[in-house]
Amino acid sequence: MIVSAMQPYYFPSIHYYQLIFSSDIFVILDNVNFINRGFIHKNYFIDRATKEKKIFNLIIEKKSQNKLIKDLKLIDYKKKF
């Protein structure tokens, strides 16, 4: 039996999904501290016109490394996109 656990990510890479499909049990570990520099709330995309890597992210209310991921709240993400 293969058990895997990962933190949630905003638009995770293909490797995240490969891990899910290769596991018998997959746990989304959201009861750990938020990482400000991590990719829990942001990711990159390639701009077709300029071929540059650009970042996009979710705006999180009062984000702190002392808060659990599950306790974070988004700020009106519809305006961002």
C-alpha atoms as a PDB file:
ATOM      1  CA  MET A   1       0.000   0.000   0.000  1.00  0.00           C
ATOM      2  CA  ILE A   2       1.329   3.424  -0.961  1.00  0.00           C
ATOM      3  CA  VAL A   3       0.319   6.374   1.220  1.00  0.00           C
ATOM      4  CA  SER A   4       1.279   9.897   0.117  1.00  0.00           C
ATOM      5  CA  ALA A   5       0.738  13.318   1.661  1.00  0.00           C
ATOM      6  CA  MET A   6       1.275  16.760   0.123  1.00  0.00           C
ATOM      7  CA  GLN A   7       0.380  20.320   0.940  1.00  0.00           C
ATOM      8  CA  PRO A   8      -2.225  21.915  -1.333  1.00  0.00           C
ATOM      9  CA  TYR A   9      -0.859  23.966  -4.236  1.00  0.00           C
ATOM     10  CA  TYR A  10      -2.404  26.532  -6.544  1.00  0.00           C
ATOM     11  CA  PHE A  11      -2.340  24.903 -10.011  1.00  0.00           C
ATOM     12  CA  PRO A  12       0.070  22.114  -9.064  1.00  0.00           C
ATOM     13  CA  SER A  13       2.479  20.602 -11.563  1.00  0.00           C
ATOM     14  CA  ILE A  14       1.917  17.303 -13.358  1.00  0.00           C
ATOM     15  CA  HIS A  15       4.107  15.572 -10.762  1.00  0.00           C
ATOM     16  CA  TYR A  16       1.533  16.300  -8.075  1.00  0.00           C
ATOM     17  CA  TYR A  17      -1.140  14.457 -10.090  1.00  0.00           C
ATOM     18  CA  GLN A  18       1.208  11.592 -10.890  1.00  0.00           C
ATOM     19  CA  LEU A  19       1.767  11.136  -7.160  1.00  0.00           C
ATOM     20  CA  ILE A  20      -2.004  11.084  -6.551  1.00  0.00           C
ATOM     21  CA  PHE A  21      -2.617   8.456  -9.229  1.00  0.00           C
ATOM     22  CA  SER A  22       0.260   6.251  -8.068  1.00  0.00           C
ATOM     23  CA  SER A  23      -0.941   6.271  -4.435  1.00  0.00           C
ATOM     24  CA  ASP A  24      -3.492   4.026  -2.798  1.00  0.00           C
ATOM     25  CA  ILE A  25      -4.212   6.713  -0.204  1.00  0.00           C
ATOM     26  CA  PHE A  26      -3.515  10.404  -0.809  1.00  0.00           C
ATOM     27  CA  VAL A  27      -3.763  12.978   1.993  1.00  0.00           C
ATOM     28  CA  ILE A  28      -3.941  16.734   1.454  1.00  0.00           C
ATOM     29  CA  LEU A  29      -1.959  18.029   4.384  1.00  0.00           C
ATOM     30  CA  ASP A  30      -3.555  21.380   5.235  1.00  0.00           C
ATOM     31  CA  ASN A  31      -3.089  21.352   9.007  1.00  0.00           C
ATOM     32  CA  VAL A  32       0.526  22.567   8.783  1.00  0.00           C
ATOM     33  CA  ASN A  33       1.900  26.113   8.839  1.00  0.00           C
ATOM     34  CA  PHE A  34       1.635  28.277   5.730  1.00  0.00           C
ATOM     35  CA  ILE A  35       4.925  28.954   3.900  1.00  0.00           C
ATOM     36  CA  ASN A  36       5.175  32.545   2.604  1.00  0.00           C
ATOM     37  CA  ARG A  37       7.774  31.706  -0.024  1.00  0.00           C
ATOM     38  CA  GLY A  38       6.081  28.467  -1.098  1.00  0.00           C
ATOM     39  CA  PHE A  39       3.723  27.761  -3.978  1.00  0.00           C
ATOM     40  CA  ILE A  40       0.617  27.144  -1.916  1.00  0.00           C
ATOM     41  CA  HIS A  41      -0.903  30.426  -3.127  1.00  0.00           C
ATOM     42  CA  LYS A  42       1.044  31.229  -6.320  1.00  0.00           C
ATOM     43  CA  ASN A  43       2.410  29.777  -9.524  1.00  0.00           C
ATOM     44  CA  TYR A  44       4.042  30.762 -12.820  1.00  0.00           C
ATOM     45  CA  PHE A  45       2.885  30.849 -16.414  1.00  0.00           C
ATOM     46  CA  ILE A  46       4.719  31.531 -19.663  1.00  0.00           C
ATOM     47  CA  ASP A  47       3.528  34.607 -21.557  1.00  0.00           C
ATOM     48  CA  ARG A  48       3.081  33.507 -25.190  1.00  0.00           C
ATOM     49  CA  ALA A  49       3.920  36.916 -26.632  1.00  0.00           C
ATOM     50  CA  THR A  50       7.117  37.611 -24.705  1.00  0.00           C
ATOM     51  CA  LYS A  51       8.065  34.027 -23.717  1.00  0.00           C
ATOM     52  CA  GLU A  52       8.712  35.338 -20.196  1.00  0.00           C
ATOM     53  CA  LYS A  53       7.863  33.527 -16.988  1.00  0.00           C
ATOM     54  CA  LYS A  54       5.262  35.542 -15.050  1.00  0.00           C
ATOM     55  CA  ILE A  55       3.863  34.946 -11.596  1.00  0.00           C
ATOM     56  CA  PHE A  56       0.218  34.975 -10.547  1.00  0.00           C
ATOM     57  CA  ASN A  57      -1.117  34.474  -7.053  1.00  0.00           C
ATOM     58  CA  LEU A  58      -4.113  34.403  -4.771  1.00  0.00           C
ATOM     59  CA  ILE A  59      -4.460  37.278  -2.362  1.00  0.00           C
ATOM     60  CA  ILE A  60      -4.645  35.912   1.159  1.00  0.00           C
ATOM     61  CA  GLU A  61      -6.030  37.853   4.104  1.00  0.00           C
ATOM     62  CA  LYS A  62      -3.486  38.332   6.913  1.00  0.00           C
ATOM     63  CA  LYS A  63      -1.150  35.587   5.730  1.00  0.00           C
ATOM     64  CA  SER A  64       1.400  34.478   8.267  1.00  0.00           C
ATOM     65  CA  GLN A  65       3.761  31.570   8.738  1.00  0.00           C
ATOM     66  CA  ASN A  66       2.175  31.163  12.168  1.00  0.00           C
ATOM     67  CA  LYS A  67      -1.212  30.221  10.645  1.00  0.00           C
ATOM     68  CA  LEU A  68      -2.285  26.824   9.423  1.00  0.00           C
ATOM     69  CA  ILE A  69      -3.044  26.508   5.709  1.00  0.00           C
ATOM     70  CA  LYS A  70      -6.640  25.483   6.443  1.00  0.00           C
ATOM     71  CA  ASP A  71      -7.215  28.705   8.451  1.00  0.00           C
ATOM     72  CA  LEU A  72      -6.281  31.113   5.636  1.00  0.00           C
ATOM     73  CA  LYS A  73      -8.948  33.146   3.860  1.00  0.00           C
ATOM     74  CA  LEU A  74      -8.902  34.481   0.296  1.00  0.00           C
ATOM     75  CA  ILE A  75      -9.603  38.124  -0.484  1.00  0.00           C
ATOM     76  CA  ASP A  76     -12.104  38.487  -3.356  1.00  0.00           C
ATOM     77  CA  TYR A  77     -10.112  36.504  -5.894  1.00  0.00           C
ATOM     78  CA  LYS A  78     -12.593  37.280  -8.716  1.00  0.00           C
ATOM     79  CA  LYS A  79     -11.238  40.832  -9.039  1.00  0.00           C
ATOM     80  CA  LYS A  80      -7.704  39.506  -9.546  1.00  0.00           C
ATOM     81  CA  PHE A  81      -8.641  37.479 -12.624  1.00  0.00           C
END
